[in-house]
PDB file of N, CA and C in Angstrom:
ATOM      1  N   MET A   1     -16.110  11.298  -1.763  1.00  0.00           N
ATOM      2  CA  MET A   1     -15.254  10.232  -1.798  1.00  0.00           C
ATOM      3  C   MET A   1     -14.053  10.149  -0.959  1.00  0.00           C
ATOM      4  N   VAL A   2     -13.790   9.149  -0.214  1.00  0.00           N
ATOM      5  CA  VAL A   2     -12.667   9.106   0.347  1.00  0.00           C
ATOM      6  C   VAL A   2     -11.669   7.868  -0.034  1.00  0.00           C
ATOM      7  N   CYS A   3     -10.447   7.901  -0.427  1.00  0.00           N
ATOM      8  CA  CYS A   3      -9.647   6.809  -0.888  1.00  0.00           C
ATOM      9  C   CYS A   3      -8.057   7.258  -0.821  1.00  0.00           C
ATOM     10  N   PRO A   4      -7.469   6.400  -1.042  1.00  0.00           N
ATOM     11  CA  PRO A   4      -5.803   6.537  -0.869  1.00  0.00           C
ATOM     12  C   PRO A   4      -5.603   7.501  -2.290  1.00  0.00           C
ATOM     13  N   GLU A   5      -4.525   8.493  -1.890  1.00  0.00           N
ATOM     14  CA  GLU A   5      -4.464   9.259  -2.967  1.00  0.00           C
ATOM     15  C   GLU A   5      -3.972   8.894  -4.173  1.00  0.00           C
ATOM     16  N   ASP A   6      -2.949   7.684  -4.025  1.00  0.00           N
ATOM     17  CA  ASP A   6      -2.697   7.207  -5.299  1.00  0.00           C
ATOM     18  C   ASP A   6      -3.484   6.248  -6.223  1.00  0.00           C
ATOM     19  N   ALA A   7      -4.893   6.332  -5.640  1.00  0.00           N
ATOM     20  CA  ALA A   7      -5.958   5.451  -6.339  1.00  0.00           C
ATOM     21  C   ALA A   7      -6.796   6.701  -7.203  1.00  0.00           C
ATOM     22  N   VAL A   8      -6.538   7.832  -7.101  1.00  0.00           N
ATOM     23  CA  VAL A   8      -7.235   8.812  -7.717  1.00  0.00           C
ATOM     24  C   VAL A   8      -7.016   8.955  -9.109  1.00  0.00           C
ATOM     25  N   PRO A   9      -7.614   8.945 -10.126  1.00  0.00           N
ATOM     26  CA  PRO A   9      -7.071   9.062 -11.535  1.00  0.00           C
ATOM     27  C   PRO A   9      -6.808  10.512 -11.655  1.00  0.00           C
ATOM     28  N   GLU A  10      -5.745  10.739 -12.700  1.00  0.00           N
ATOM     29  CA  GLU A  10      -5.166  12.043 -12.806  1.00  0.00           C
ATOM     30  C   GLU A  10      -5.984  13.240 -13.121  1.00  0.00           C
ATOM     31  N   GLU A  11      -6.968  12.973 -13.795  1.00  0.00           N
ATOM     32  CA  GLU A  11      -8.137  13.781 -14.477  1.00  0.00           C
ATOM     33  C   GLU A  11      -9.157  14.200 -13.312  1.00  0.00           C
ATOM     34  N   VAL A  12      -9.108  13.573 -12.266  1.00  0.00           N
ATOM     35  CA  VAL A  12     -10.017  13.873 -11.161  1.00  0.00           C
ATOM     36  C   VAL A  12      -9.395  14.658 -10.116  1.00  0.00           C
ATOM     37  N   ALA A  13     -10.118  15.695  -9.981  1.00  0.00           N
ATOM     38  CA  ALA A  13      -9.504  16.801  -8.816  1.00  0.00           C
ATOM     39  C   ALA A  13      -9.670  16.351  -7.333  1.00  0.00           C
ATOM     40  N   CYS A  14      -8.657  16.376  -6.769  1.00  0.00           N
ATOM     41  CA  CYS A  14      -8.883  15.876  -5.435  1.00  0.00           C
ATOM     42  C   CYS A  14      -8.093  16.973  -4.306  1.00  0.00           C
ATOM     43  N   GLU A  15      -8.219  16.683  -3.157  1.00  0.00           N
ATOM     44  CA  GLU A  15      -7.444  17.438  -2.177  1.00  0.00           C
ATOM     45  C   GLU A  15      -6.790  16.425  -1.253  1.00  0.00           C
ATOM     46  N   GLY A  16      -5.583  16.557  -1.424  1.00  0.00           N
ATOM     47  CA  GLY A  16      -4.588  15.357  -0.447  1.00  0.00           C
ATOM     48  C   GLY A  16      -3.993  15.962   0.644  1.00  0.00           C
ATOM     49  N   ASP A  17      -2.932  15.218   1.255  1.00  0.00           N
ATOM     50  CA  ASP A  17      -2.250  15.355   2.564  1.00  0.00           C
ATOM     51  C   ASP A  17      -3.195  15.353   3.735  1.00  0.00           C
ATOM     52  N   TRP A  18      -3.849  14.495   3.781  1.00  0.00           N
ATOM     53  CA  TRP A  18      -4.896  14.268   4.849  1.00  0.00           C
ATOM     54  C   TRP A  18      -4.220  13.251   5.747  1.00  0.00           C
ATOM     55  N   ARG A  19      -4.498  13.412   7.090  1.00  0.00           N
ATOM     56  CA  ARG A  19      -3.920  12.390   8.006  1.00  0.00           C
ATOM     57  C   ARG A  19      -5.153  11.913   8.697  1.00  0.00           C
ATOM     58  N   ILE A  20      -5.339  10.613   9.172  1.00  0.00           N
ATOM     59  CA  ILE A  20      -6.606  10.085  10.015  1.00  0.00           C
ATOM     60  C   ILE A  20      -6.358   9.910  11.269  1.00  0.00           C
ATOM     61  N   LEU A  21      -7.128  10.232  12.096  1.00  0.00           N
ATOM     62  CA  LEU A  21      -7.373  10.016  13.608  1.00  0.00           C
ATOM     63  C   LEU A  21      -8.489   9.061  13.787  1.00  0.00           C
ATOM     64  N   LYS A  22      -8.253   7.824  14.090  1.00  0.00           N
ATOM     65  CA  LYS A  22      -9.317   6.642  14.439  1.00  0.00           C
ATOM     66  C   LYS A  22      -9.747   7.034  16.029  1.00  0.00           C
ATOM     67  N   LEU A  23     -11.116   7.017  16.231  1.00  0.00           N
ATOM     68  CA  LEU A  23     -11.637   7.159  17.403  1.00  0.00           C
ATOM     69  C   LEU A  23     -11.756   5.691  17.733  1.00  0.00           C
ATOM     70  N   GLU A  24     -11.022   5.229  18.897  1.00  0.00           N
ATOM     71  CA  GLU A  24     -11.330   3.687  19.072  1.00  0.00           C
ATOM     72  C   GLU A  24     -12.661   3.388  19.656  1.00  0.00           C
ATOM     73  N   GLY A  25     -13.330   2.630  18.845  1.00  0.00           N
ATOM     74  CA  GLY A  25     -14.674   2.030  19.110  1.00  0.00           C
ATOM     75  C   GLY A  25     -14.593   0.601  19.512  1.00  0.00           C
ATOM     76  N   PRO A  26     -15.494  -0.089  19.595  1.00  0.00           N
ATOM     77  CA  PRO A  26     -16.744   0.389  19.156  1.00  0.00           C
ATOM     78  C   PRO A  26     -17.625   1.272  19.875  1.00  0.00           C
ATOM     79  N   PHE A  27     -18.564   1.917  19.463  1.00  0.00           N
ATOM     80  CA  PHE A  27     -19.403   2.840  20.262  1.00  0.00           C
ATOM     81  C   PHE A  27     -20.867   2.572  20.069  1.00  0.00           C
ATOM     82  N   GLU A  28     -21.675   2.474  21.026  1.00  0.00           N
ATOM     83  CA  GLU A  28     -23.051   2.254  20.726  1.00  0.00           C
ATOM     84  C   GLU A  28     -23.563   3.485  20.120  1.00  0.00           C
ATOM     85  N   PHE A  29     -24.946   3.107  19.386  1.00  0.00           N
ATOM     86  CA  PHE A  29     -25.489   4.227  18.846  1.00  0.00           C
ATOM     87  C   PHE A  29     -26.093   5.154  19.945  1.00  0.00           C
ATOM     88  N   SER A  30     -26.394   4.663  21.188  1.00  0.00           N
ATOM     89  CA  SER A  30     -26.997   5.379  22.255  1.00  0.00           C
ATOM     90  C   SER A  30     -26.030   6.492  22.963  1.00  0.00           C
ATOM     91  N   GLU A  31     -24.601   6.167  22.548  1.00  0.00           N
ATOM     92  CA  GLU A  31     -23.783   7.113  23.105  1.00  0.00           C
ATOM     93  C   GLU A  31     -23.388   8.546  22.243  1.00  0.00           C
ATOM     94  N   VAL A  32     -23.734   9.449  23.051  1.00  0.00           N
ATOM     95  CA  VAL A  32     -23.567  10.818  22.511  1.00  0.00           C
ATOM     96  C   VAL A  32     -22.425  11.568  22.922  1.00  0.00           C
ATOM     97  N   GLY A  33     -22.175  12.460  21.705  1.00  0.00           N
ATOM     98  CA  GLY A  33     -20.958  13.452  22.236  1.00  0.00           C
ATOM     99  C   GLY A  33     -19.404  13.080  22.053  1.00  0.00           C
ATOM    100  N   ILE A  34     -19.414  11.747  21.558  1.00  0.00           N
ATOM    101  CA  ILE A  34     -17.919  11.207  21.324  1.00  0.00           C
ATOM    102  C   ILE A  34     -17.242  12.046  20.256  1.00  0.00           C
ATOM    103  N   LEU A  35     -17.903  12.228  19.238  1.00  0.00           N
ATOM    104  CA  LEU A  35     -17.179  12.857  17.987  1.00  0.00           C
ATOM    105  C   LEU A  35     -16.966  14.600  18.557  1.00  0.00           C
ATOM    106  N   ALA A  36     -17.997  15.169  19.324  1.00  0.00           N
ATOM    107  CA  ALA A  36     -18.107  16.275  19.719  1.00  0.00           C
ATOM    108  C   ALA A  36     -16.674  16.506  20.673  1.00  0.00           C
ATOM    109  N   SER A  37     -16.381  15.497  21.479  1.00  0.00           N
ATOM    110  CA  SER A  37     -15.224  15.666  22.373  1.00  0.00           C
ATOM    111  C   SER A  37     -14.045  15.944  21.820  1.00  0.00           C
ATOM    112  N   VAL A  38     -14.028  15.391  20.484  1.00  0.00           N
ATOM    113  CA  VAL A  38     -12.816  15.453  19.711  1.00  0.00           C
ATOM    114  C   VAL A  38     -12.810  16.662  18.784  1.00  0.00           C
ATOM    115  N   THR A  39     -13.884  16.804  18.122  1.00  0.00           N
ATOM    116  CA  THR A  39     -14.099  17.875  17.228  1.00  0.00           C
ATOM    117  C   THR A  39     -14.110  19.302  17.853  1.00  0.00           C
ATOM    118  N   THR A  40     -14.657  19.620  18.944  1.00  0.00           N
ATOM    119  CA  THR A  40     -14.728  20.949  19.610  1.00  0.00           C
ATOM    120  C   THR A  40     -13.385  21.382  20.073  1.00  0.00           C
ATOM    121  N   PRO A  41     -12.414  20.545  20.515  1.00  0.00           N
ATOM    122  CA  PRO A  41     -11.229  21.333  20.910  1.00  0.00           C
ATOM    123  C   PRO A  41     -10.580  21.340  19.634  1.00  0.00           C
ATOM    124  N   LEU A  42     -10.613  20.654  18.692  1.00  0.00           N
ATOM    125  CA  LEU A  42      -9.753  20.979  17.586  1.00  0.00           C
ATOM    126  C   LEU A  42     -10.401  22.120  16.825  1.00  0.00           C
ATOM    127  N   ALA A  43     -11.701  22.524  16.787  1.00  0.00           N
ATOM    128  CA  ALA A  43     -12.239  23.767  16.249  1.00  0.00           C
ATOM    129  C   ALA A  43     -11.704  25.073  17.125  1.00  0.00           C
ATOM    130  N   GLU A  44     -11.544  24.931  18.461  1.00  0.00           N
ATOM    131  CA  GLU A  44     -11.113  25.696  19.143  1.00  0.00           C
ATOM    132  C   GLU A  44      -9.567  26.134  18.820  1.00  0.00           C
ATOM    133  N   ALA A  45      -9.005  25.117  18.655  1.00  0.00           N
ATOM    134  CA  ALA A  45      -7.403  25.263  18.209  1.00  0.00           C
ATOM    135  C   ALA A  45      -7.191  25.760  16.848  1.00  0.00           C
ATOM    136  N   GLY A  46      -8.380  25.885  16.049  1.00  0.00           N
ATOM    137  CA  GLY A  46      -8.166  26.238  14.570  1.00  0.00           C
ATOM    138  C   GLY A  46      -7.897  25.254  13.510  1.00  0.00           C
ATOM    139  N   VAL A  47      -8.169  24.051  13.916  1.00  0.00           N
ATOM    140  CA  VAL A  47      -7.813  22.802  13.101  1.00  0.00           C
ATOM    141  C   VAL A  47      -9.132  22.571  12.365  1.00  0.00           C
ATOM    142  N   GLY A  48      -8.917  22.414  11.050  1.00  0.00           N
ATOM    143  CA  GLY A  48      -9.966  22.128  10.197  1.00  0.00           C
ATOM    144  C   GLY A  48      -9.904  20.705   9.907  1.00  0.00           C
ATOM    145  N   ILE A  49     -11.142  19.975  10.019  1.00  0.00           N
ATOM    146  CA  ILE A  49     -11.370  18.571  10.188  1.00  0.00           C
ATOM    147  C   ILE A  49     -12.325  18.032   8.968  1.00  0.00           C
ATOM    148  N   PHE A  50     -12.039  16.699   8.650  1.00  0.00           N
ATOM    149  CA  PHE A  50     -13.318  16.127   7.956  1.00  0.00           C
ATOM    150  C   PHE A  50     -13.464  14.986   8.586  1.00  0.00           C
ATOM    151  N   ALA A  51     -14.631  14.872   8.876  1.00  0.00           N
ATOM    152  CA  ALA A  51     -15.073  13.604   9.863  1.00  0.00           C
ATOM    153  C   ALA A  51     -15.882  12.407   8.912  1.00  0.00           C
ATOM    154  N   VAL A  52     -15.438  11.298   9.428  1.00  0.00           N
ATOM    155  CA  VAL A  52     -16.161  10.127   8.628  1.00  0.00           C
ATOM    156  C   VAL A  52     -16.483   9.189   9.787  1.00  0.00           C
ATOM    157  N   SER A  53     -17.935   8.858   9.913  1.00  0.00           N
ATOM    158  CA  SER A  53     -18.670   8.191  10.647  1.00  0.00           C
ATOM    159  C   SER A  53     -18.869   6.863  10.079  1.00  0.00           C
ATOM    160  N   THR A  54     -18.692   5.695  10.883  1.00  0.00           N
ATOM    161  CA  THR A  54     -19.210   4.221  10.499  1.00  0.00           C
ATOM    162  C   THR A  54     -20.341   3.633  11.601  1.00  0.00           C
ATOM    163  N   TYR A  55     -20.500   2.478  11.154  1.00  0.00           N
ATOM    164  CA  TYR A  55     -21.592   2.023  12.092  1.00  0.00           C
ATOM    165  C   TYR A  55     -20.920   1.770  13.593  1.00  0.00           C
ATOM    166  N   ASP A  56     -19.663   1.608  13.747  1.00  0.00           N
ATOM    167  CA  ASP A  56     -19.281   1.473  15.089  1.00  0.00           C
ATOM    168  C   ASP A  56     -18.031   2.286  15.602  1.00  0.00           C
ATOM    169  N   THR A  57     -17.509   3.233  14.821  1.00  0.00           N
ATOM    170  CA  THR A  57     -16.570   4.231  15.075  1.00  0.00           C
ATOM    171  C   THR A  57     -16.465   5.437  14.336  1.00  0.00           C
ATOM    172  N   ASP A  58     -15.647   6.355  14.499  1.00  0.00           N
ATOM    173  CA  ASP A  58     -15.487   7.526  13.777  1.00  0.00           C
ATOM    174  C   ASP A  58     -14.237   7.924  13.343  1.00  0.00           C
ATOM    175  N   TYR A  59     -13.946   8.704  12.510  1.00  0.00           N
ATOM    176  CA  TYR A  59     -12.492   9.094  11.912  1.00  0.00           C
ATOM    177  C   TYR A  59     -12.737  10.523  11.714  1.00  0.00           C
ATOM    178  N   VAL A  60     -11.480  11.101  12.285  1.00  0.00           N
ATOM    179  CA  VAL A  60     -11.460  12.410  12.017  1.00  0.00           C
ATOM    180  C   VAL A  60     -10.168  12.947  11.144  1.00  0.00           C
ATOM    181  N   LEU A  61     -10.330  13.255   9.875  1.00  0.00           N
ATOM    182  CA  LEU A  61      -9.187  13.625   9.321  1.00  0.00           C
ATOM    183  C   LEU A  61      -8.738  14.965   9.309  1.00  0.00           C
ATOM    184  N   VAL A  62      -7.588  15.161   9.463  1.00  0.00           N
ATOM    185  CA  VAL A  62      -6.919  16.704   9.501  1.00  0.00           C
ATOM    186  C   VAL A  62      -5.715  16.663   8.416  1.00  0.00           C
ATOM    187  N   LYS A  63      -5.465  17.910   7.928  1.00  0.00           N
ATOM    188  CA  LYS A  63      -4.501  18.253   7.074  1.00  0.00           C
ATOM    189  C   LYS A  63      -3.079  17.924   7.727  1.00  0.00           C
ATOM    190  N   GLU A  64      -2.186  17.428   7.000  1.00  0.00           N
ATOM    191  CA  GLU A  64      -0.774  16.868   7.470  1.00  0.00           C
ATOM    192  C   GLU A  64      -0.319  18.219   8.343  1.00  0.00           C
ATOM    193  N   GLU A  65      -0.207  19.333   7.798  1.00  0.00           N
ATOM    194  CA  GLU A  65       0.278  20.430   8.262  1.00  0.00           C
ATOM    195  C   GLU A  65      -0.301  20.807   9.746  1.00  0.00           C
ATOM    196  N   GLN A  66      -1.331  20.317   9.998  1.00  0.00           N
ATOM    197  CA  GLN A  66      -2.010  20.635  11.235  1.00  0.00           C
ATOM    198  C   GLN A  66      -2.022  19.378  12.248  1.00  0.00           C
ATOM    199  N   LEU A  67      -1.557  18.213  11.673  1.00  0.00           N
ATOM    200  CA  LEU A  67      -1.395  17.064  12.497  1.00  0.00           C
ATOM    201  C   LEU A  67      -0.988  17.381  14.020  1.00  0.00           C
ATOM    202  N   GLU A  68       0.248  17.647  14.160  1.00  0.00           N
ATOM    203  CA  GLU A  68       1.030  18.073  15.361  1.00  0.00           C
ATOM    204  C   GLU A  68      -0.077  19.015  16.436  1.00  0.00           C
ATOM    205  N   SER A  69      -0.418  20.098  15.596  1.00  0.00           N
ATOM    206  CA  SER A  69      -1.240  20.864  16.740  1.00  0.00           C
ATOM    207  C   SER A  69      -2.684  20.071  16.993  1.00  0.00           C
ATOM    208  N   ALA A  70      -3.057  19.370  16.247  1.00  0.00           N
ATOM    209  CA  ALA A  70      -4.345  18.666  16.621  1.00  0.00           C
ATOM    210  C   ALA A  70      -4.006  17.618  17.581  1.00  0.00           C
ATOM    211  N   ALA A  71      -2.923  16.762  17.517  1.00  0.00           N
ATOM    212  CA  ALA A  71      -2.624  15.991  18.550  1.00  0.00           C
ATOM    213  C   ALA A  71      -2.236  16.525  19.828  1.00  0.00           C
ATOM    214  N   ALA A  72      -1.521  17.713  19.833  1.00  0.00           N
ATOM    215  CA  ALA A  72      -1.206  18.162  21.005  1.00  0.00           C
ATOM    216  C   ALA A  72      -2.640  18.811  21.659  1.00  0.00           C
ATOM    217  N   SER A  73      -3.394  19.401  21.017  1.00  0.00           N
ATOM    218  CA  SER A  73      -4.901  19.958  21.599  1.00  0.00           C
ATOM    219  C   SER A  73      -5.361  18.614  22.317  1.00  0.00           C
ATOM    220  N   LEU A  74      -5.678  17.644  21.748  1.00  0.00           N
ATOM    221  CA  LEU A  74      -6.418  16.397  22.164  1.00  0.00           C
ATOM    222  C   LEU A  74      -5.624  15.922  23.325  1.00  0.00           C
ATOM    223  N   ARG A  75      -4.057  15.693  23.207  1.00  0.00           N
ATOM    224  CA  ARG A  75      -3.504  15.129  24.545  1.00  0.00           C
ATOM    225  C   ARG A  75      -3.734  16.120  25.747  1.00  0.00           C
ATOM    226  N   ARG A  76      -3.847  17.502  25.691  1.00  0.00           N
ATOM    227  CA  ARG A  76      -4.047  18.413  26.734  1.00  0.00           C
ATOM    228  C   ARG A  76      -5.242  17.933  27.251  1.00  0.00           C
ATOM    229  N   LEU A  77      -6.319  17.533  26.629  1.00  0.00           N
ATOM    230  CA  LEU A  77      -7.547  17.187  27.316  1.00  0.00           C
ATOM    231  C   LEU A  77      -7.640  15.819  27.778  1.00  0.00           C
ATOM    232  N   GLY A  78      -6.468  14.990  27.680  1.00  0.00           N
ATOM    233  CA  GLY A  78      -6.503  13.458  28.190  1.00  0.00           C
ATOM    234  C   GLY A  78      -6.566  12.510  27.154  1.00  0.00           C
ATOM    235  N   HIS A  79      -6.995  12.856  25.895  1.00  0.00           N
ATOM    236  CA  HIS A  79      -7.106  11.844  24.709  1.00  0.00           C
ATOM    237  C   HIS A  79      -5.717  11.181  24.678  1.00  0.00           C
ATOM    238  N   GLU A  80      -5.813  10.147  24.200  1.00  0.00           N
ATOM    239  CA  GLU A  80      -4.280   9.308  23.807  1.00  0.00           C
ATOM    240  C   GLU A  80      -4.333   9.398  22.336  1.00  0.00           C
ATOM    241  N   VAL A  81      -3.234  10.067  21.743  1.00  0.00           N
ATOM    242  CA  VAL A  81      -3.128  10.092  20.374  1.00  0.00           C
ATOM    243  C   VAL A  81      -1.653   9.297  20.035  1.00  0.00           C
ATOM    244  N   LEU A  82      -2.031   8.125  19.376  1.00  0.00           N
ATOM    245  CA  LEU A  82      -0.747   7.227  18.933  1.00  0.00           C
ATOM    246  C   LEU A  82       0.016   7.605  17.737  1.00  0.00           C
TER     247      LEU A  82
END
């Protein structure tokens, strides 16, 4: 389950400090390799991810301590990271 950290009951175990990168969509179902164009360079940079896909876009969550490394890796390949 993905939800804001402050919405998690105290008795429920959770792992926090995730930051989200939204891939600007919408993307057609026939488009392939979009998520891979982001996750492959992150894997090569040693950045762990949690991916969430919806019907028209994708989200990549990275731990807060890896956010700058993730953003730098993506910018080097021409991705715009805001």
